[in-house]
Amino acid sequence: MAELAEGVIGLSVGDAPDMSVRYVITGSPHGKVQFRVVVVDGRVAEVVVGADGHADVTATWRYPDAVGQFTGDLHPDVAYMTGRCKLAGDYARYLYGMRPLLGGAAWKDVLADLAGRSDV
């Protein structure tokens, strides 16, 4: 998680509103994993490990689908529409607000670097 935080803090989320997205990933090699991505002034300001703290929306993924979404192989809209991602709270903030980050080259570069250093 520290590597993810180091790579994404400061990345642009375009004109996205301030928000906090909690990711819940089930069935990972480490069990259930939770973290929040906090966006302030159009940039990723913080990545917080754990279930504590406010989140505008919670995105729950099964591990294989989360890997697909984070690597760009599974589009968040498709995942949501097919039930592979469950959203609770302000789903529009996730689907539309996070799109510039999740679809951006910088995000993909960070994730490719992490994948090259991990078992995922």
PDB file of N, CA and C in Angstrom:
ATOM      1  N   MET A   1       0.819  -1.202   0.000  1.00  0.00           N
ATOM      2  CA  MET A   1       0.000   0.000   0.000  1.00  0.00           C
ATOM      3  C   MET A   1       0.855   1.256   0.000  1.00  0.00           C
ATOM      4  N   ALA A   2       1.972   1.207   0.690  1.00  0.00           N
ATOM      5  CA  ALA A   2       2.840   2.384   0.730  1.00  0.00           C
ATOM      6  C   ALA A   2       3.307   2.751  -0.676  1.00  0.00           C
ATOM      7  N   GLU A   3       3.609   1.726  -1.487  1.00  0.00           N
ATOM      8  CA  GLU A   3       4.049   1.983  -2.855  1.00  0.00           C
ATOM      9  C   GLU A   3       2.931   2.598  -3.693  1.00  0.00           C
ATOM     10  N   LEU A   4       1.701   2.115  -3.498  1.00  0.00           N
ATOM     11  CA  LEU A   4       0.560   2.697  -4.207  1.00  0.00           C
ATOM     12  C   LEU A   4       0.396   4.155  -3.811  1.00  0.00           C
ATOM     13  N   ALA A   5       0.417   4.420  -2.513  1.00  0.00           N
ATOM     14  CA  ALA A   5       0.259   5.792  -2.031  1.00  0.00           C
ATOM     15  C   ALA A   5       1.349   6.690  -2.595  1.00  0.00           C
ATOM     16  N   GLU A   6       2.577   6.216  -2.541  1.00  0.00           N
ATOM     17  CA  GLU A   6       3.701   7.004  -3.040  1.00  0.00           C
ATOM     18  C   GLU A   6       3.533   7.338  -4.521  1.00  0.00           C
ATOM     19  N   GLY A   7       3.015   6.391  -5.274  1.00  0.00           N
ATOM     20  CA  GLY A   7       2.862   6.592  -6.708  1.00  0.00           C
ATOM     21  C   GLY A   7       1.705   7.473  -7.110  1.00  0.00           C
ATOM     22  N   VAL A   8       0.609   7.448  -6.344  1.00  0.00           N
ATOM     23  CA  VAL A   8      -0.588   8.171  -6.795  1.00  0.00           C
ATOM     24  C   VAL A   8      -0.815   9.513  -6.118  1.00  0.00           C
ATOM     25  N   ILE A   9      -0.213   9.750  -4.958  1.00  0.00           N
ATOM     26  CA  ILE A   9      -0.424  11.046  -4.302  1.00  0.00           C
ATOM     27  C   ILE A   9       0.091  12.156  -5.216  1.00  0.00           C
ATOM     28  N   GLY A  10      -0.771  13.115  -5.448  1.00  0.00           N
ATOM     29  CA  GLY A  10      -0.450  14.231  -6.314  1.00  0.00           C
ATOM     30  C   GLY A  10      -0.955  14.084  -7.734  1.00  0.00           C
ATOM     31  N   LEU A  11      -1.384  12.864  -8.126  1.00  0.00           N
ATOM     32  CA  LEU A  11      -1.902  12.691  -9.483  1.00  0.00           C
ATOM     33  C   LEU A  11      -3.180  13.500  -9.675  1.00  0.00           C
ATOM     34  N   SER A  12      -3.344  14.028 -10.867  1.00  0.00           N
ATOM     35  CA  SER A  12      -4.514  14.839 -11.192  1.00  0.00           C
ATOM     36  C   SER A  12      -5.755  13.980 -11.391  1.00  0.00           C
ATOM     37  N   VAL A  13      -6.873  14.484 -10.884  1.00  0.00           N
ATOM     38  CA  VAL A  13      -8.176  13.875 -11.105  1.00  0.00           C
ATOM     39  C   VAL A  13      -9.027  14.867 -11.901  1.00  0.00           C
ATOM     40  N   GLY A  14      -8.375  15.743 -12.624  1.00  0.00           N
ATOM     41  CA  GLY A  14      -9.077  16.716 -13.448  1.00  0.00           C
ATOM     42  C   GLY A  14      -9.894  17.671 -12.600  1.00  0.00           C
ATOM     43  N   ASP A  15     -11.116  17.926 -13.019  1.00  0.00           N
ATOM     44  CA  ASP A  15     -11.976  18.855 -12.290  1.00  0.00           C
ATOM     45  C   ASP A  15     -12.916  18.116 -11.344  1.00  0.00           C
ATOM     46  N   ALA A  16     -12.499  16.958 -10.882  1.00  0.00           N
ATOM     47  CA  ALA A  16     -13.327  16.161  -9.965  1.00  0.00           C
ATOM     48  C   ALA A  16     -13.574  16.923  -8.671  1.00  0.00           C
ATOM     49  N   PRO A  17     -14.745  16.731  -8.090  1.00  0.00           N
ATOM     50  CA  PRO A  17     -15.015  17.360  -6.796  1.00  0.00           C
ATOM     51  C   PRO A  17     -14.179  16.694  -5.710  1.00  0.00           C
ATOM     52  N   ASP A  18     -14.021  17.404  -4.595  1.00  0.00           N
ATOM     53  CA  ASP A  18     -13.374  16.778  -3.444  1.00  0.00           C
ATOM     54  C   ASP A  18     -14.184  15.548  -3.068  1.00  0.00           C
ATOM     55  N   MET A  19     -13.501  14.446  -2.808  1.00  0.00           N
ATOM     56  CA  MET A  19     -14.208  13.211  -2.474  1.00  0.00           C
ATOM     57  C   MET A  19     -13.270  12.231  -1.804  1.00  0.00           C
ATOM     58  N   SER A  20     -13.883  11.228  -1.218  1.00  0.00           N
ATOM     59  CA  SER A  20     -13.148  10.125  -0.622  1.00  0.00           C
ATOM     60  C   SER A  20     -13.805   8.835  -1.098  1.00  0.00           C
ATOM     61  N   VAL A  21     -13.000   7.955  -1.692  1.00  0.00           N
ATOM     62  CA  VAL A  21     -13.497   6.679  -2.202  1.00  0.00           C
ATOM     63  C   VAL A  21     -12.861   5.553  -1.395  1.00  0.00           C
ATOM     64  N   ARG A  22     -13.693   4.738  -0.780  1.00  0.00           N
ATOM     65  CA  ARG A  22     -13.181   3.567  -0.067  1.00  0.00           C
ATOM     66  C   ARG A  22     -13.222   2.384  -1.022  1.00  0.00           C
ATOM     67  N   TYR A  23     -12.108   1.711  -1.144  1.00  0.00           N
ATOM     68  CA  TYR A  23     -12.029   0.468  -1.908  1.00  0.00           C
ATOM     69  C   TYR A  23     -12.049  -0.685  -0.926  1.00  0.00           C
ATOM     70  N   VAL A  24     -12.914  -1.656  -1.185  1.00  0.00           N
ATOM     71  CA  VAL A  24     -12.953  -2.902  -0.428  1.00  0.00           C
ATOM     72  C   VAL A  24     -12.702  -4.006  -1.445  1.00  0.00           C
ATOM     73  N   ILE A  25     -11.629  -4.738  -1.245  1.00  0.00           N
ATOM     74  CA  ILE A  25     -11.264  -5.806  -2.178  1.00  0.00           C
ATOM     75  C   ILE A  25     -11.294  -7.119  -1.415  1.00  0.00           C
ATOM     76  N   THR A  26     -12.155  -8.023  -1.876  1.00  0.00           N
ATOM     77  CA  THR A  26     -12.323  -9.304  -1.192  1.00  0.00           C
ATOM     78  C   THR A  26     -11.592 -10.406  -1.953  1.00  0.00           C
ATOM     79  N   GLY A  27     -11.182 -11.422  -1.206  1.00  0.00           N
ATOM     80  CA  GLY A  27     -10.555 -12.587  -1.819  1.00  0.00           C
ATOM     81  C   GLY A  27      -9.144 -12.363  -2.317  1.00  0.00           C
ATOM     82  N   SER A  28      -8.465 -11.344  -1.806  1.00  0.00           N
ATOM     83  CA  SER A  28      -7.083 -11.109  -2.229  1.00  0.00           C
ATOM     84  C   SER A  28      -6.156 -12.101  -1.517  1.00  0.00           C
ATOM     85  N   PRO A  29      -4.921 -12.232  -1.963  1.00  0.00           N
ATOM     86  CA  PRO A  29      -3.972 -13.099  -1.257  1.00  0.00           C
ATOM     87  C   PRO A  29      -3.766 -12.681   0.204  1.00  0.00           C
ATOM     88  N   HIS A  30      -4.119 -11.434   0.530  1.00  0.00           N
ATOM     89  CA  HIS A  30      -3.991 -10.924   1.897  1.00  0.00           C
ATOM     90  C   HIS A  30      -5.339 -10.863   2.606  1.00  0.00           C
ATOM     91  N   GLY A  31      -6.334 -11.526   2.053  1.00  0.00           N
ATOM     92  CA  GLY A  31      -7.683 -11.478   2.620  1.00  0.00           C
ATOM     93  C   GLY A  31      -8.404 -10.229   2.150  1.00  0.00           C
ATOM     94  N   LYS A  32      -9.292  -9.733   2.990  1.00  0.00           N
ATOM     95  CA  LYS A  32     -10.053  -8.520   2.669  1.00  0.00           C
ATOM     96  C   LYS A  32      -9.150  -7.304   2.880  1.00  0.00           C
ATOM     97  N   VAL A  33      -9.031  -6.486   1.853  1.00  0.00           N
ATOM     98  CA  VAL A  33      -8.178  -5.299   1.890  1.00  0.00           C
ATOM     99  C   VAL A  33      -9.068  -4.078   1.717  1.00  0.00           C
ATOM    100  N   GLN A  34      -8.839  -3.052   2.557  1.00  0.00           N
ATOM    101  CA  GLN A  34      -9.598  -1.811   2.445  1.00  0.00           C
ATOM    102  C   GLN A  34      -8.646  -0.626   2.488  1.00  0.00           C
ATOM    103  N   PHE A  35      -8.940   0.358   1.650  1.00  0.00           N
ATOM    104  CA  PHE A  35      -8.196   1.610   1.687  1.00  0.00           C
ATOM    105  C   PHE A  35      -9.059   2.709   1.089  1.00  0.00           C
ATOM    106  N   ARG A  36      -8.727   3.945   1.428  1.00  0.00           N
ATOM    107  CA  ARG A  36      -9.445   5.110   0.895  1.00  0.00           C
ATOM    108  C   ARG A  36      -8.499   5.954   0.065  1.00  0.00           C
ATOM    109  N   VAL A  37      -9.027   6.463  -1.033  1.00  0.00           N
ATOM    110  CA  VAL A  37      -8.325   7.442  -1.855  1.00  0.00           C
ATOM    111  C   VAL A  37      -9.052   8.764  -1.645  1.00  0.00           C
ATOM    112  N   VAL A  38      -8.321   9.761  -1.157  1.00  0.00           N
ATOM    113  CA  VAL A  38      -8.906  11.065  -0.849  1.00  0.00           C
ATOM    114  C   VAL A  38      -8.458  12.063  -1.919  1.00  0.00           C
ATOM    115  N   VAL A  39      -9.432  12.718  -2.536  1.00  0.00           N
ATOM    116  CA  VAL A  39      -9.173  13.704  -3.582  1.00  0.00           C
ATOM    117  C   VAL A  39      -9.525  15.086  -3.044  1.00  0.00           C
ATOM    118  N   VAL A  40      -8.576  16.014  -3.154  1.00  0.00           N
ATOM    119  CA  VAL A  40      -8.782  17.398  -2.725  1.00  0.00           C
ATOM    120  C   VAL A  40      -8.219  18.309  -3.820  1.00  0.00           C
ATOM    121  N   ASP A  41      -8.995  19.297  -4.201  1.00  0.00           N
ATOM    122  CA  ASP A  41      -8.573  20.270  -5.217  1.00  0.00           C
ATOM    123  C   ASP A  41      -8.089  19.604  -6.505  1.00  0.00           C
ATOM    124  N   GLY A  42      -8.783  18.536  -6.932  1.00  0.00           N
ATOM    125  CA  GLY A  42      -8.485  17.903  -8.203  1.00  0.00           C
ATOM    126  C   GLY A  42      -7.266  16.999  -8.228  1.00  0.00           C
ATOM    127  N   ARG A  43      -6.724  16.674  -7.057  1.00  0.00           N
ATOM    128  CA  ARG A  43      -5.543  15.801  -6.983  1.00  0.00           C
ATOM    129  C   ARG A  43      -5.725  14.773  -5.879  1.00  0.00           C
ATOM    130  N   VAL A  44      -5.071  13.623  -6.058  1.00  0.00           N
ATOM    131  CA  VAL A  44      -5.057  12.629  -4.985  1.00  0.00           C
ATOM    132  C   VAL A  44      -4.220  13.204  -3.854  1.00  0.00           C
ATOM    133  N   ALA A  45      -4.851  13.400  -2.698  1.00  0.00           N
ATOM    134  CA  ALA A  45      -4.179  14.009  -1.561  1.00  0.00           C
ATOM    135  C   ALA A  45      -3.679  12.977  -0.561  1.00  0.00           C
ATOM    136  N   GLU A  46      -4.346  11.824  -0.524  1.00  0.00           N
ATOM    137  CA  GLU A  46      -4.016  10.860   0.525  1.00  0.00           C
ATOM    138  C   GLU A  46      -4.533   9.477   0.130  1.00  0.00           C
ATOM    139  N   VAL A  47      -3.806   8.452   0.548  1.00  0.00           N
ATOM    140  CA  VAL A  47      -4.262   7.067   0.470  1.00  0.00           C
ATOM    141  C   VAL A  47      -4.159   6.526   1.884  1.00  0.00           C
ATOM    142  N   VAL A  48      -5.293   6.079   2.432  1.00  0.00           N
ATOM    143  CA  VAL A  48      -5.366   5.661   3.829  1.00  0.00           C
ATOM    144  C   VAL A  48      -5.730   4.183   3.886  1.00  0.00           C
ATOM    145  N   VAL A  49      -4.886   3.387   4.519  1.00  0.00           N
ATOM    146  CA  VAL A  49      -5.143   1.954   4.657  1.00  0.00           C
ATOM    147  C   VAL A  49      -6.141   1.714   5.779  1.00  0.00           C
ATOM    148  N   GLY A  50      -7.064   0.785   5.573  1.00  0.00           N
ATOM    149  CA  GLY A  50      -8.021   0.404   6.605  1.00  0.00           C
ATOM    150  C   GLY A  50      -9.423   0.886   6.311  1.00  0.00           C
ATOM    151  N   ALA A  51     -10.314   0.552   7.243  1.00  0.00           N
ATOM    152  CA  ALA A  51     -11.740   0.836   7.075  1.00  0.00           C
ATOM    153  C   ALA A  51     -12.182   2.123   7.755  1.00  0.00           C
ATOM    154  N   ASP A  52     -11.303   2.776   8.483  1.00  0.00           N
ATOM    155  CA  ASP A  52     -11.690   3.964   9.239  1.00  0.00           C
ATOM    156  C   ASP A  52     -11.847   5.180   8.334  1.00  0.00           C
ATOM    157  N   GLY A  53     -12.636   6.139   8.800  1.00  0.00           N
ATOM    158  CA  GLY A  53     -12.775   7.410   8.120  1.00  0.00           C
ATOM    159  C   GLY A  53     -13.954   7.480   7.168  1.00  0.00           C
ATOM    160  N   HIS A  54     -14.321   8.707   6.839  1.00  0.00           N
ATOM    161  CA  HIS A  54     -15.461   8.994   5.967  1.00  0.00           C
ATOM    162  C   HIS A  54     -15.141   8.640   4.518  1.00  0.00           C
ATOM    163  N   ALA A  55     -16.126   8.096   3.838  1.00  0.00           N
ATOM    164  CA  ALA A  55     -16.025   7.868   2.392  1.00  0.00           C
ATOM    165  C   ALA A  55     -17.338   8.299   1.749  1.00  0.00           C
ATOM    166  N   ASP A  56     -17.243   9.067   0.673  1.00  0.00           N
ATOM    167  CA  ASP A  56     -18.441   9.461  -0.072  1.00  0.00           C
ATOM    168  C   ASP A  56     -19.047   8.271  -0.800  1.00  0.00           C
ATOM    169  N   VAL A  57     -18.192   7.368  -1.215  1.00  0.00           N
ATOM    170  CA  VAL A  57     -18.640   6.169  -1.930  1.00  0.00           C
ATOM    171  C   VAL A  57     -17.707   5.015  -1.575  1.00  0.00           C
ATOM    172  N   THR A  58     -18.283   3.832  -1.503  1.00  0.00           N
ATOM    173  CA  THR A  58     -17.503   2.614  -1.281  1.00  0.00           C
ATOM    174  C   THR A  58     -17.635   1.732  -2.509  1.00  0.00           C
ATOM    175  N   ALA A  59     -16.496   1.355  -3.069  1.00  0.00           N
ATOM    176  CA  ALA A  59     -16.447   0.466  -4.233  1.00  0.00           C
ATOM    177  C   ALA A  59     -15.938  -0.887  -3.765  1.00  0.00           C
ATOM    178  N   THR A  60     -16.786  -1.906  -3.880  1.00  0.00           N
ATOM    179  CA  THR A  60     -16.417  -3.251  -3.441  1.00  0.00           C
ATOM    180  C   THR A  60     -16.158  -4.124  -4.663  1.00  0.00           C
ATOM    181  N   TRP A  61     -15.001  -4.742  -4.660  1.00  0.00           N
ATOM    182  CA  TRP A  61     -14.546  -5.558  -5.778  1.00  0.00           C
ATOM    183  C   TRP A  61     -14.110  -6.926  -5.286  1.00  0.00           C
ATOM    184  N   ARG A  62     -14.320  -7.951  -6.104  1.00  0.00           N
ATOM    185  CA  ARG A  62     -13.632  -9.221  -5.891  1.00  0.00           C
ATOM    186  C   ARG A  62     -12.224  -9.034  -6.454  1.00  0.00           C
ATOM    187  N   TYR A  63     -11.277  -9.707  -5.869  1.00  0.00           N
ATOM    188  CA  TYR A  63      -9.873  -9.504  -6.222  1.00  0.00           C
ATOM    189  C   TYR A  63      -9.586  -9.557  -7.730  1.00  0.00           C
ATOM    190  N   PRO A  64     -10.015 -10.598  -8.461  1.00  0.00           N
ATOM    191  CA  PRO A  64      -9.685 -10.635  -9.897  1.00  0.00           C
ATOM    192  C   PRO A  64     -10.245  -9.435 -10.668  1.00  0.00           C
ATOM    193  N   ASP A  65     -11.427  -8.979 -10.287  1.00  0.00           N
ATOM    194  CA  ASP A  65     -12.026  -7.826 -10.962  1.00  0.00           C
ATOM    195  C   ASP A  65     -11.299  -6.536 -10.592  1.00  0.00           C
ATOM    196  N   ALA A  66     -10.863  -6.424  -9.342  1.00  0.00           N
ATOM    197  CA  ALA A  66     -10.094  -5.247  -8.923  1.00  0.00           C
ATOM    198  C   ALA A  66      -8.792  -5.161  -9.709  1.00  0.00           C
ATOM    199  N   VAL A  67      -8.122  -6.288  -9.853  1.00  0.00           N
ATOM    200  CA  VAL A  67      -6.886  -6.302 -10.638  1.00  0.00           C
ATOM    201  C   VAL A  67      -7.182  -5.846 -12.068  1.00  0.00           C
ATOM    202  N   GLY A  68      -8.265  -6.343 -12.646  1.00  0.00           N
ATOM    203  CA  GLY A  68      -8.644  -5.931 -13.996  1.00  0.00           C
ATOM    204  C   GLY A  68      -8.925  -4.448 -14.094  1.00  0.00           C
ATOM    205  N   GLN A  69      -9.594  -3.902 -13.102  1.00  0.00           N
ATOM    206  CA  GLN A  69      -9.907  -2.475 -13.121  1.00  0.00           C
ATOM    207  C   GLN A  69      -8.643  -1.641 -12.941  1.00  0.00           C
ATOM    208  N   PHE A  70      -7.802  -2.030 -12.004  1.00  0.00           N
ATOM    209  CA  PHE A  70      -6.592  -1.248 -11.746  1.00  0.00           C
ATOM    210  C   PHE A  70      -5.585  -1.322 -12.886  1.00  0.00           C
ATOM    211  N   THR A  71      -5.590  -2.412 -13.643  1.00  0.00           N
ATOM    212  CA  THR A  71      -4.664  -2.533 -14.774  1.00  0.00           C
ATOM    213  C   THR A  71      -5.252  -1.988 -16.070  1.00  0.00           C
ATOM    214  N   GLY A  72      -6.513  -1.598 -16.039  1.00  0.00           N
ATOM    215  CA  GLY A  72      -7.148  -1.034 -17.219  1.00  0.00           C
ATOM    216  C   GLY A  72      -7.814  -2.057 -18.119  1.00  0.00           C
ATOM    217  N   ASP A  73      -7.798  -3.325 -17.724  1.00  0.00           N
ATOM    218  CA  ASP A  73      -8.438  -4.366 -18.523  1.00  0.00           C
ATOM    219  C   ASP A  73      -9.951  -4.416 -18.324  1.00  0.00           C
ATOM    220  N   LEU A  74     -10.446  -3.818 -17.252  1.00  0.00           N
ATOM    221  CA  LEU A  74     -11.879  -3.803 -16.956  1.00  0.00           C
ATOM    222  C   LEU A  74     -12.301  -2.362 -16.676  1.00  0.00           C
ATOM    223  N   HIS A  75     -13.126  -1.809 -17.535  1.00  0.00           N
ATOM    224  CA  HIS A  75     -13.572  -0.422 -17.376  1.00  0.00           C
ATOM    225  C   HIS A  75     -14.520  -0.329 -16.181  1.00  0.00           C
ATOM    226  N   PRO A  76     -14.379   0.699 -15.322  1.00  0.00           N
ATOM    227  CA  PRO A  76     -15.246   0.834 -14.152  1.00  0.00           C
ATOM    228  C   PRO A  76     -16.736   0.862 -14.491  1.00  0.00           C
ATOM    229  N   ASP A  77     -17.113   1.508 -15.600  1.00  0.00           N
ATOM    230  CA  ASP A  77     -18.530   1.552 -15.984  1.00  0.00           C
ATOM    231  C   ASP A  77     -19.051   0.156 -16.300  1.00  0.00           C
ATOM    232  N   VAL A  78     -18.276  -0.606 -17.046  1.00  0.00           N
ATOM    233  CA  VAL A  78     -18.673  -1.973 -17.405  1.00  0.00           C
ATOM    234  C   VAL A  78     -18.763  -2.830 -16.145  1.00  0.00           C
ATOM    235  N   ALA A  79     -17.788  -2.684 -15.266  1.00  0.00           N
ATOM    236  CA  ALA A  79     -17.796  -3.461 -14.024  1.00  0.00           C
ATOM    237  C   ALA A  79     -19.047  -3.164 -13.205  1.00  0.00           C
ATOM    238  N   TYR A  80     -19.407  -1.895 -13.108  1.00  0.00           N
ATOM    239  CA  TYR A  80     -20.592  -1.508 -12.347  1.00  0.00           C
ATOM    240  C   TYR A  80     -21.860  -2.048 -13.005  1.00  0.00           C
ATOM    241  N   MET A  81     -21.969  -1.883 -14.317  1.00  0.00           N
ATOM    242  CA  MET A  81     -23.185  -2.300 -15.023  1.00  0.00           C
ATOM    243  C   MET A  81     -23.371  -3.815 -15.034  1.00  0.00           C
ATOM    244  N   THR A  82     -22.284  -4.561 -14.919  1.00  0.00           N
ATOM    245  CA  THR A  82     -22.378  -6.023 -14.934  1.00  0.00           C
ATOM    246  C   THR A  82     -22.323  -6.633 -13.539  1.00  0.00           C
ATOM    247  N   GLY A  83     -22.302  -5.782 -12.513  1.00  0.00           N
ATOM    248  CA  GLY A  83     -22.317  -6.279 -11.140  1.00  0.00           C
ATOM    249  C   GLY A  83     -20.980  -6.760 -10.619  1.00  0.00           C
ATOM    250  N   ARG A  84     -19.911  -6.477 -11.338  1.00  0.00           N
ATOM    251  CA  ARG A  84     -18.587  -6.902 -10.886  1.00  0.00           C
ATOM    252  C   ARG A  84     -17.980  -5.916  -9.901  1.00  0.00           C
ATOM    253  N   CYS A  85     -18.578  -4.745  -9.800  1.00  0.00           N
ATOM    254  CA  CYS A  85     -18.207  -3.742  -8.809  1.00  0.00           C
ATOM    255  C   CYS A  85     -19.494  -3.266  -8.158  1.00  0.00           C
ATOM    256  N   LYS A  86     -19.548  -3.327  -6.849  1.00  0.00           N
ATOM    257  CA  LYS A  86     -20.715  -2.848  -6.104  1.00  0.00           C
ATOM    258  C   LYS A  86     -20.371  -1.476  -5.532  1.00  0.00           C
ATOM    259  N   LEU A  87     -21.259  -0.520  -5.739  1.00  0.00           N
ATOM    260  CA  LEU A  87     -21.042   0.830  -5.231  1.00  0.00           C
ATOM    261  C   LEU A  87     -22.105   1.175  -4.211  1.00  0.00           C
ATOM    262  N   ALA A  88     -21.670   1.746  -3.100  1.00  0.00           N
ATOM    263  CA  ALA A  88     -22.581   2.225  -2.062  1.00  0.00           C
ATOM    264  C   ALA A  88     -22.245   3.682  -1.790  1.00  0.00           C
ATOM    265  N   GLY A  89     -23.260   4.513  -1.724  1.00  0.00           N
ATOM    266  CA  GLY A  89     -23.043   5.936  -1.511  1.00  0.00           C
ATOM    267  C   GLY A  89     -23.210   6.683  -2.822  1.00  0.00           C
ATOM    268  N   ASP A  90     -22.427   7.735  -3.004  1.00  0.00           N
ATOM    269  CA  ASP A  90     -22.539   8.613  -4.168  1.00  0.00           C
ATOM    270  C   ASP A  90     -21.811   7.999  -5.365  1.00  0.00           C
ATOM    271  N   TYR A  91     -22.481   7.051  -6.029  1.00  0.00           N
ATOM    272  CA  TYR A  91     -21.844   6.302  -7.115  1.00  0.00           C
ATOM    273  C   TYR A  91     -21.394   7.204  -8.258  1.00  0.00           C
ATOM    274  N   ALA A  92     -22.096   8.307  -8.496  1.00  0.00           N
ATOM    275  CA  ALA A  92     -21.728   9.197  -9.598  1.00  0.00           C
ATOM    276  C   ALA A  92     -20.345   9.802  -9.366  1.00  0.00           C
ATOM    277  N   ARG A  93     -20.007  10.066  -8.109  1.00  0.00           N
ATOM    278  CA  ARG A  93     -18.671  10.603  -7.825  1.00  0.00           C
ATOM    279  C   ARG A  93     -17.594   9.612  -8.251  1.00  0.00           C
ATOM    280  N   TYR A  94     -17.858   8.345  -8.026  1.00  0.00           N
ATOM    281  CA  TYR A  94     -16.880   7.329  -8.419  1.00  0.00           C
ATOM    282  C   TYR A  94     -16.837   7.176  -9.940  1.00  0.00           C
ATOM    283  N   LEU A  95     -18.000   6.947 -10.543  1.00  0.00           N
ATOM    284  CA  LEU A  95     -18.029   6.672 -11.976  1.00  0.00           C
ATOM    285  C   LEU A  95     -17.558   7.854 -12.812  1.00  0.00           C
ATOM    286  N   TYR A  96     -17.927   9.061 -12.423  1.00  0.00           N
ATOM    287  CA  TYR A  96     -17.577  10.226 -13.222  1.00  0.00           C
ATOM    288  C   TYR A  96     -16.411  11.011 -12.638  1.00  0.00           C
ATOM    289  N   GLY A  97     -16.360  11.138 -11.325  1.00  0.00           N
ATOM    290  CA  GLY A  97     -15.305  11.918 -10.699  1.00  0.00           C
ATOM    291  C   GLY A  97     -13.931  11.285 -10.795  1.00  0.00           C
ATOM    292  N   MET A  98     -13.869   9.957 -10.691  1.00  0.00           N
ATOM    293  CA  MET A  98     -12.574   9.275 -10.716  1.00  0.00           C
ATOM    294  C   MET A  98     -12.118   8.915 -12.129  1.00  0.00           C
ATOM    295  N   ARG A  99     -12.983   9.096 -13.113  1.00  0.00           N
ATOM    296  CA  ARG A  99     -12.653   8.700 -14.490  1.00  0.00           C
ATOM    297  C   ARG A  99     -11.344   9.316 -15.000  1.00  0.00           C
ATOM    298  N   PRO A 100     -11.087  10.628 -14.793  1.00  0.00           N
ATOM    299  CA  PRO A 100      -9.825  11.181 -15.297  1.00  0.00           C
ATOM    300  C   PRO A 100      -8.595  10.508 -14.677  1.00  0.00           C
ATOM    301  N   LEU A 101      -8.693  10.117 -13.419  1.00  0.00           N
ATOM    302  CA  LEU A 101      -7.568   9.439 -12.775  1.00  0.00           C
ATOM    303  C   LEU A 101      -7.435   8.015 -13.293  1.00  0.00           C
ATOM    304  N   LEU A 102      -8.525   7.245 -13.214  1.00  0.00           N
ATOM    305  CA  LEU A 102      -8.466   5.823 -13.550  1.00  0.00           C
ATOM    306  C   LEU A 102      -8.190   5.580 -15.027  1.00  0.00           C
ATOM    307  N   GLY A 103      -8.538   6.545 -15.877  1.00  0.00           N
ATOM    308  CA  GLY A 103      -8.283   6.388 -17.303  1.00  0.00           C
ATOM    309  C   GLY A 103      -7.004   7.055 -17.779  1.00  0.00           C
ATOM    310  N   GLY A 104      -6.290   7.690 -16.858  1.00  0.00           N
ATOM    311  CA  GLY A 104      -5.110   8.455 -17.243  1.00  0.00           C
ATOM    312  C   GLY A 104      -3.837   7.633 -17.357  1.00  0.00           C
ATOM    313  N   ALA A 105      -2.915   8.143 -18.152  1.00  0.00           N
ATOM    314  CA  ALA A 105      -1.641   7.458 -18.371  1.00  0.00           C
ATOM    315  C   ALA A 105      -0.814   7.369 -17.094  1.00  0.00           C
ATOM    316  N   ALA A 106      -0.851   8.405 -16.256  1.00  0.00           N
ATOM    317  CA  ALA A 106      -0.049   8.390 -15.029  1.00  0.00           C
ATOM    318  C   ALA A 106      -0.487   7.258 -14.104  1.00  0.00           C
ATOM    319  N   TRP A 107      -1.811   7.051 -13.966  1.00  0.00           N
ATOM    320  CA  TRP A 107      -2.347   5.954 -13.139  1.00  0.00           C
ATOM    321  C   TRP A 107      -1.859   4.610 -13.679  1.00  0.00           C
ATOM    322  N   LYS A 108      -1.965   4.438 -14.990  1.00  0.00           N
ATOM    323  CA  LYS A 108      -1.542   3.180 -15.612  1.00  0.00           C
ATOM    324  C   LYS A 108      -0.047   2.948 -15.424  1.00  0.00           C
ATOM    325  N   ASP A 109       0.750   4.015 -15.505  1.00  0.00           N
ATOM    326  CA  ASP A 109       2.194   3.879 -15.300  1.00  0.00           C
ATOM    327  C   ASP A 109       2.513   3.434 -13.878  1.00  0.00           C
ATOM    328  N   VAL A 110       1.832   4.032 -12.899  1.00  0.00           N
ATOM    329  CA  VAL A 110       2.041   3.646 -11.495  1.00  0.00           C
ATOM    330  C   VAL A 110       1.689   2.181 -11.306  1.00  0.00           C
ATOM    331  N   LEU A 111       0.551   1.764 -11.833  1.00  0.00           N
ATOM    332  CA  LEU A 111       0.112   0.379 -11.647  1.00  0.00           C
ATOM    333  C   LEU A 111       1.005  -0.609 -12.385  1.00  0.00           C
ATOM    334  N   ALA A 112       1.487  -0.243 -13.559  1.00  0.00           N
ATOM    335  CA  ALA A 112       2.407  -1.124 -14.283  1.00  0.00           C
ATOM    336  C   ALA A 112       3.701  -1.296 -13.497  1.00  0.00           C
ATOM    337  N   ASP A 113       4.180  -0.216 -12.905  1.00  0.00           N
ATOM    338  CA  ASP A 113       5.384  -0.294 -12.080  1.00  0.00           C
ATOM    339  C   ASP A 113       5.162  -1.202 -10.877  1.00  0.00           C
ATOM    340  N   LEU A 114       4.016  -1.030 -10.207  1.00  0.00           N
ATOM    341  CA  LEU A 114       3.706  -1.876  -9.049  1.00  0.00           C
ATOM    342  C   LEU A 114       3.577  -3.341  -9.455  1.00  0.00           C
ATOM    343  N   ALA A 115       2.914  -3.597 -10.577  1.00  0.00           N
ATOM    344  CA  ALA A 115       2.736  -4.977 -11.038  1.00  0.00           C
ATOM    345  C   ALA A 115       4.084  -5.623 -11.337  1.00  0.00           C
ATOM    346  N   GLY A 116       5.014  -4.842 -11.832  1.00  0.00           N
ATOM    347  CA  GLY A 116       6.342  -5.364 -12.124  1.00  0.00           C
ATOM    348  C   GLY A 116       7.132  -5.721 -10.884  1.00  0.00           C
ATOM    349  N   ARG A 117       6.706  -5.184  -9.736  1.00  0.00           N
ATOM    350  CA  ARG A 117       7.411  -5.451  -8.481  1.00  0.00           C
ATOM    351  C   ARG A 117       6.639  -6.364  -7.549  1.00  0.00           C
ATOM    352  N   SER A 118       5.526  -6.941  -8.033  1.00  0.00           N
ATOM    353  CA  SER A 118       4.690  -7.751  -7.143  1.00  0.00           C
ATOM    354  C   SER A 118       4.308  -9.065  -7.802  1.00  0.00           C
ATOM    355  N   ASP A 119       3.568  -9.881  -7.042  1.00  0.00           N
ATOM    356  CA  ASP A 119       3.104 -11.178  -7.530  1.00  0.00           C
ATOM    357  C   ASP A 119       1.791 -11.079  -8.279  1.00  0.00           C
ATOM    358  N   VAL A 120       1.179  -9.896  -8.351  1.00  0.00           N
ATOM    359  CA  VAL A 120      -0.148  -9.742  -8.954  1.00  0.00           C
ATOM    360  C   VAL A 120      -0.073  -9.896 -10.446  1.00  0.00           C
TER     361      VAL A 120
END
